[in-house]
Amino acid sequence: QVQLAESGGGLVQPGGSLRLSCVASGISIRLYAMAWFRQGPGKPREMVATTYSGGPINYADSVKGRFTISRDNAKNTVYLQMNNLIPEDTAVYYCTLIRYPTDSWGQGTQVTVSS
């Protein structure tokens, strides 16, 4: 059974930083694309960042230059370093393992950016 456990969310002031972690169990992430999604209040879910098994990385335009996704395959963990946070980043952040035919999702971790 695949399980993804996110952590690292919290309350931070604008301009601050957080690092989210996602630990996978029941599967090795080495051969899979891993992504962070987020869903803000009253907003649709959106992809934030994706790291592909072959090396490429994609970011949403809204976070490019501020967020960095990385992975440690030996630790079966994916990270999202979030710098220069703005209130629009407030959302529940979800870790996703992308696999046909059904992706796996974590429970989410709340990030709130407010002064």
N, C-alpha and C. Protein backbone atom coordinates (compact mmCIF):
# COMPACT_ATOMS: atom_id res chain seq x y z
N GLN A 1 0.85 -1.18 0.00
CA GLN A 1 0.00 0.00 0.00
C GLN A 1 0.89 1.24 0.00
N VAL A 2 0.66 2.12 -0.96
CA VAL A 2 1.43 3.34 -1.07
C VAL A 2 0.88 4.37 -0.09
N GLN A 3 1.77 4.99 0.66
CA GLN A 3 1.40 6.07 1.56
C GLN A 3 2.39 7.21 1.41
N LEU A 4 1.86 8.43 1.39
CA LEU A 4 2.66 9.64 1.31
C LEU A 4 2.33 10.50 2.51
N ALA A 5 3.34 10.93 3.23
CA ALA A 5 3.15 11.70 4.45
C ALA A 5 3.85 13.05 4.33
N GLU A 6 3.07 14.12 4.26
CA GLU A 6 3.62 15.47 4.17
C GLU A 6 3.82 16.05 5.57
N SER A 7 4.80 16.93 5.68
CA SER A 7 5.03 17.65 6.92
C SER A 7 5.76 18.95 6.59
N GLY A 8 5.82 19.84 7.57
CA GLY A 8 6.57 21.08 7.43
C GLY A 8 5.75 22.33 7.24
N GLY A 9 4.44 22.20 7.12
CA GLY A 9 3.60 23.36 6.98
C GLY A 9 3.49 24.15 8.27
N GLY A 10 2.90 25.33 8.17
CA GLY A 10 2.73 26.16 9.33
C GLY A 10 2.37 27.58 8.95
N LEU A 11 2.44 28.46 9.93
CA LEU A 11 2.16 29.88 9.75
C LEU A 11 3.47 30.64 9.60
N VAL A 12 3.55 31.46 8.56
CA VAL A 12 4.76 32.22 8.30
C VAL A 12 4.38 33.60 7.78
N GLN A 13 5.21 34.59 8.06
CA GLN A 13 4.97 35.94 7.57
C GLN A 13 5.38 36.07 6.11
N PRO A 14 4.77 37.01 5.39
CA PRO A 14 5.23 37.25 4.02
C PRO A 14 6.72 37.51 3.97
N GLY A 15 7.36 36.92 2.98
CA GLY A 15 8.81 37.01 2.86
C GLY A 15 9.55 35.90 3.56
N GLY A 16 8.85 35.11 4.36
CA GLY A 16 9.47 34.03 5.08
C GLY A 16 9.63 32.78 4.23
N SER A 17 10.14 31.73 4.87
CA SER A 17 10.44 30.48 4.18
C SER A 17 9.93 29.29 4.97
N LEU A 18 9.61 28.23 4.25
CA LEU A 18 9.26 26.95 4.82
C LEU A 18 9.82 25.86 3.92
N ARG A 19 10.10 24.71 4.50
CA ARG A 19 10.47 23.54 3.72
C ARG A 19 9.50 22.41 4.03
N LEU A 20 8.80 21.95 3.00
CA LEU A 20 7.89 20.83 3.13
C LEU A 20 8.61 19.54 2.79
N SER A 21 8.22 18.48 3.47
CA SER A 21 8.78 17.16 3.22
C SER A 21 7.66 16.18 2.92
N CYS A 22 7.95 15.20 2.09
CA CYS A 22 7.01 14.14 1.75
C CYS A 22 7.76 12.83 1.78
N VAL A 23 7.41 11.97 2.73
CA VAL A 23 8.04 10.67 2.87
C VAL A 23 7.10 9.61 2.32
N ALA A 24 7.59 8.82 1.38
CA ALA A 24 6.80 7.76 0.77
C ALA A 24 7.11 6.43 1.42
N SER A 25 6.09 5.59 1.52
CA SER A 25 6.26 4.23 1.98
C SER A 25 5.43 3.30 1.10
N GLY A 26 5.82 2.05 1.04
CA GLY A 26 5.11 1.08 0.22
C GLY A 26 5.52 1.09 -1.24
N ILE A 27 6.42 1.96 -1.62
CA ILE A 27 6.89 2.06 -2.99
C ILE A 27 8.19 2.85 -3.00
N SER A 28 9.04 2.57 -3.95
CA SER A 28 10.24 3.36 -4.16
C SER A 28 9.91 4.47 -5.14
N ILE A 29 10.27 5.71 -4.81
CA ILE A 29 9.96 6.83 -5.68
C ILE A 29 10.96 6.99 -6.81
N ARG A 30 12.00 6.22 -6.83
CA ARG A 30 13.12 6.42 -7.75
C ARG A 30 12.69 6.52 -9.21
N LEU A 31 11.74 5.68 -9.62
CA LEU A 31 11.35 5.61 -11.02
C LEU A 31 10.11 6.43 -11.35
N TYR A 32 9.64 7.23 -10.42
CA TYR A 32 8.39 7.95 -10.61
C TYR A 32 8.56 9.45 -10.55
N ALA A 33 7.72 10.14 -11.31
CA ALA A 33 7.59 11.57 -11.14
C ALA A 33 6.86 11.87 -9.83
N MET A 34 7.35 12.87 -9.12
CA MET A 34 6.73 13.31 -7.88
C MET A 34 6.38 14.78 -8.02
N ALA A 35 5.23 15.15 -7.48
CA ALA A 35 4.75 16.51 -7.64
C ALA A 35 4.18 17.05 -6.34
N TRP A 36 4.20 18.36 -6.25
CA TRP A 36 3.48 19.08 -5.21
C TRP A 36 2.32 19.83 -5.86
N PHE A 37 1.13 19.63 -5.33
CA PHE A 37 -0.05 20.38 -5.69
C PHE A 37 -0.48 21.21 -4.49
N ARG A 38 -1.30 22.21 -4.75
CA ARG A 38 -1.87 22.98 -3.66
C ARG A 38 -3.29 23.39 -4.00
N GLN A 39 -4.08 23.61 -2.96
CA GLN A 39 -5.44 24.09 -3.12
C GLN A 39 -5.70 25.15 -2.07
N GLY A 40 -5.84 26.40 -2.52
CA GLY A 40 -6.13 27.50 -1.64
C GLY A 40 -7.62 27.63 -1.38
N PRO A 41 -7.99 28.48 -0.42
CA PRO A 41 -9.41 28.66 -0.08
C PRO A 41 -10.21 29.13 -1.29
N GLY A 42 -11.24 28.39 -1.65
CA GLY A 42 -12.09 28.76 -2.77
C GLY A 42 -11.43 28.71 -4.13
N LYS A 43 -10.29 28.04 -4.22
CA LYS A 43 -9.55 27.98 -5.47
C LYS A 43 -9.41 26.53 -5.93
N PRO A 44 -9.25 26.33 -7.24
CA PRO A 44 -9.04 24.97 -7.73
C PRO A 44 -7.65 24.46 -7.41
N ARG A 45 -7.50 23.17 -7.42
CA ARG A 45 -6.20 22.57 -7.22
C ARG A 45 -5.27 22.92 -8.37
N GLU A 46 -4.02 23.20 -8.07
CA GLU A 46 -3.06 23.52 -9.10
C GLU A 46 -1.74 22.82 -8.82
N MET A 47 -1.05 22.47 -9.89
CA MET A 47 0.28 21.90 -9.75
C MET A 47 1.27 23.01 -9.43
N VAL A 48 2.10 22.75 -8.45
CA VAL A 48 3.11 23.72 -8.03
C VAL A 48 4.47 23.40 -8.64
N ALA A 49 4.88 22.15 -8.51
CA ALA A 49 6.20 21.74 -8.99
C ALA A 49 6.20 20.24 -9.20
N THR A 50 6.97 19.79 -10.17
CA THR A 50 7.08 18.37 -10.48
C THR A 50 8.54 18.03 -10.73
N THR A 51 8.99 16.93 -10.16
CA THR A 51 10.31 16.39 -10.46
C THR A 51 10.12 15.02 -11.11
N TYR A 52 10.68 14.87 -12.31
CA TYR A 52 10.56 13.65 -13.07
C TYR A 52 11.74 12.73 -12.79
N SER A 53 11.50 11.44 -12.95
CA SER A 53 12.54 10.47 -12.61
C SER A 53 13.80 10.64 -13.44
N GLY A 54 13.65 11.13 -14.67
CA GLY A 54 14.79 11.31 -15.54
C GLY A 54 15.58 12.59 -15.31
N GLY A 55 15.09 13.46 -14.42
CA GLY A 55 15.81 14.67 -14.09
C GLY A 55 15.10 15.99 -14.33
N PRO A 56 14.24 16.12 -15.36
CA PRO A 56 13.60 17.42 -15.60
C PRO A 56 12.73 17.85 -14.43
N ILE A 57 12.58 19.16 -14.28
CA ILE A 57 11.77 19.76 -13.24
C ILE A 57 10.90 20.84 -13.87
N ASN A 58 9.64 20.88 -13.47
CA ASN A 58 8.71 21.90 -13.92
C ASN A 58 8.15 22.65 -12.72
N TYR A 59 7.91 23.96 -12.90
CA TYR A 59 7.30 24.79 -11.88
C TYR A 59 6.15 25.57 -12.47
N ALA A 60 5.15 25.82 -11.63
CA ALA A 60 4.13 26.78 -12.02
C ALA A 60 4.75 28.17 -12.11
N ASP A 61 4.24 28.97 -13.04
CA ASP A 61 4.78 30.32 -13.20
C ASP A 61 4.69 31.13 -11.91
N SER A 62 3.67 30.88 -11.11
CA SER A 62 3.45 31.66 -9.91
C SER A 62 4.51 31.42 -8.83
N VAL A 63 5.24 30.32 -8.92
CA VAL A 63 6.24 30.00 -7.90
C VAL A 63 7.65 29.94 -8.45
N LYS A 64 7.80 30.05 -9.75
CA LYS A 64 9.13 29.94 -10.35
C LYS A 64 10.05 31.03 -9.79
N GLY A 65 11.23 30.62 -9.40
CA GLY A 65 12.19 31.53 -8.80
C GLY A 65 12.08 31.64 -7.30
N ARG A 66 11.00 31.15 -6.72
CA ARG A 66 10.81 31.20 -5.28
C ARG A 66 10.82 29.82 -4.63
N PHE A 67 10.29 28.82 -5.33
CA PHE A 67 10.20 27.47 -4.79
C PHE A 67 11.20 26.57 -5.49
N THR A 68 11.67 25.56 -4.77
CA THR A 68 12.57 24.57 -5.33
C THR A 68 12.11 23.18 -4.89
N ILE A 69 11.86 22.32 -5.86
CA ILE A 69 11.53 20.93 -5.56
C ILE A 69 12.80 20.10 -5.68
N SER A 70 12.96 19.15 -4.79
CA SER A 70 14.11 18.27 -4.83
C SER A 70 13.71 16.90 -4.30
N ARG A 71 14.54 15.93 -4.55
CA ARG A 71 14.24 14.58 -4.09
C ARG A 71 15.49 13.90 -3.58
N ASP A 72 15.31 13.04 -2.60
CA ASP A 72 16.37 12.20 -2.08
C ASP A 72 15.86 10.77 -2.20
N ASN A 73 16.22 10.12 -3.29
CA ASN A 73 15.69 8.78 -3.54
C ASN A 73 16.12 7.78 -2.46
N ALA A 74 17.31 7.96 -1.91
CA ALA A 74 17.78 7.06 -0.86
C ALA A 74 16.90 7.13 0.38
N LYS A 75 16.36 8.32 0.65
CA LYS A 75 15.46 8.51 1.79
C LYS A 75 13.99 8.40 1.41
N ASN A 76 13.73 8.15 0.12
CA ASN A 76 12.36 8.03 -0.37
C ASN A 76 11.54 9.27 -0.02
N THR A 77 12.16 10.43 -0.20
CA THR A 77 11.59 11.68 0.26
C THR A 77 11.70 12.75 -0.82
N VAL A 78 10.66 13.56 -0.92
CA VAL A 78 10.62 14.72 -1.80
C VAL A 78 10.44 15.96 -0.94
N TYR A 79 11.09 17.05 -1.34
CA TYR A 79 11.04 18.29 -0.59
C TYR A 79 10.52 19.42 -1.46
N LEU A 80 9.97 20.42 -0.81
CA LEU A 80 9.61 21.66 -1.48
C LEU A 80 10.11 22.80 -0.61
N GLN A 81 11.19 23.44 -1.05
CA GLN A 81 11.72 24.62 -0.38
C GLN A 81 10.96 25.84 -0.88
N MET A 82 10.34 26.57 0.02
CA MET A 82 9.48 27.69 -0.32
C MET A 82 10.08 28.96 0.28
N ASN A 83 10.55 29.85 -0.58
CA ASN A 83 11.17 31.10 -0.15
C ASN A 83 10.33 32.28 -0.61
N ASN A 84 10.55 33.42 0.05
CA ASN A 84 9.85 34.66 -0.31
C ASN A 84 8.35 34.44 -0.43
N LEU A 85 7.78 33.83 0.59
CA LEU A 85 6.37 33.48 0.55
C LEU A 85 5.48 34.72 0.54
N ILE A 86 4.37 34.61 -0.17
CA ILE A 86 3.38 35.67 -0.27
C ILE A 86 2.03 35.12 0.16
N PRO A 87 1.08 35.99 0.54
CA PRO A 87 -0.21 35.49 1.02
C PRO A 87 -0.92 34.58 0.03
N GLU A 88 -0.72 34.79 -1.26
CA GLU A 88 -1.35 33.95 -2.27
C GLU A 88 -0.85 32.50 -2.25
N ASP A 89 0.24 32.25 -1.54
CA ASP A 89 0.73 30.88 -1.39
C ASP A 89 -0.05 30.10 -0.34
N THR A 90 -0.92 30.75 0.40
CA THR A 90 -1.70 30.08 1.43
C THR A 90 -2.56 28.99 0.80
N ALA A 91 -2.40 27.76 1.28
CA ALA A 91 -3.10 26.62 0.70
C ALA A 91 -2.76 25.37 1.49
N VAL A 92 -3.50 24.32 1.22
CA VAL A 92 -3.10 22.99 1.64
C VAL A 92 -2.23 22.41 0.54
N TYR A 93 -1.05 21.96 0.90
CA TYR A 93 -0.10 21.43 -0.06
C TYR A 93 -0.10 19.91 0.01
N TYR A 94 -0.21 19.28 -1.17
CA TYR A 94 -0.31 17.84 -1.28
C TYR A 94 0.87 17.29 -2.06
N CYS A 95 1.40 16.19 -1.58
CA CYS A 95 2.43 15.43 -2.29
C CYS A 95 1.75 14.38 -3.16
N THR A 96 2.25 14.20 -4.37
CA THR A 96 1.64 13.27 -5.31
C THR A 96 2.71 12.41 -5.98
N LEU A 97 2.46 11.12 -6.04
CA LEU A 97 3.26 10.20 -6.84
C LEU A 97 2.47 9.91 -8.11
N ILE A 98 3.06 10.21 -9.26
CA ILE A 98 2.36 10.12 -10.54
C ILE A 98 2.62 8.75 -11.15
N ARG A 99 1.55 8.00 -11.30
CA ARG A 99 1.65 6.63 -11.79
C ARG A 99 0.35 6.23 -12.47
N TYR A 100 0.47 5.71 -13.70
CA TYR A 100 -0.69 5.21 -14.40
C TYR A 100 -1.15 3.92 -13.77
N PRO A 101 -2.47 3.69 -13.62
CA PRO A 101 -3.58 4.55 -14.00
C PRO A 101 -4.07 5.48 -12.90
N THR A 102 -3.53 5.35 -11.69
CA THR A 102 -4.03 6.13 -10.56
C THR A 102 -2.87 6.71 -9.76
N ASP A 103 -2.85 8.03 -9.64
CA ASP A 103 -1.85 8.68 -8.82
C ASP A 103 -2.11 8.41 -7.34
N SER A 104 -1.07 8.58 -6.53
CA SER A 104 -1.19 8.47 -5.08
C SER A 104 -1.04 9.85 -4.46
N TRP A 105 -1.84 10.12 -3.44
CA TRP A 105 -1.89 11.43 -2.81
C TRP A 105 -1.67 11.33 -1.31
N GLY A 106 -0.99 12.32 -0.75
CA GLY A 106 -0.89 12.44 0.68
C GLY A 106 -2.09 13.14 1.27
N GLN A 107 -2.08 13.31 2.58
CA GLN A 107 -3.18 13.94 3.28
C GLN A 107 -3.13 15.46 3.24
N GLY A 108 -1.97 16.02 2.96
CA GLY A 108 -1.81 17.45 2.85
C GLY A 108 -1.27 18.09 4.11
N THR A 109 -0.62 19.23 3.94
CA THR A 109 -0.12 20.02 5.05
C THR A 109 -0.47 21.48 4.79
N GLN A 110 -0.96 22.16 5.81
CA GLN A 110 -1.44 23.53 5.67
C GLN A 110 -0.29 24.52 5.72
N VAL A 111 -0.26 25.42 4.76
CA VAL A 111 0.67 26.54 4.74
C VAL A 111 -0.15 27.83 4.77
N THR A 112 0.10 28.67 5.75
CA THR A 112 -0.59 29.94 5.87
C THR A 112 0.44 31.06 5.89
N VAL A 113 0.30 32.00 4.97
CA VAL A 113 1.21 33.14 4.86
C VAL A 113 0.41 34.38 5.21
N SER A 114 0.73 34.99 6.33
CA SER A 114 -0.04 36.12 6.81
C SER A 114 0.80 36.95 7.77
N SER A 115 0.58 38.27 7.72
CA SER A 115 1.22 39.17 8.66
C SER A 115 0.29 39.55 9.81
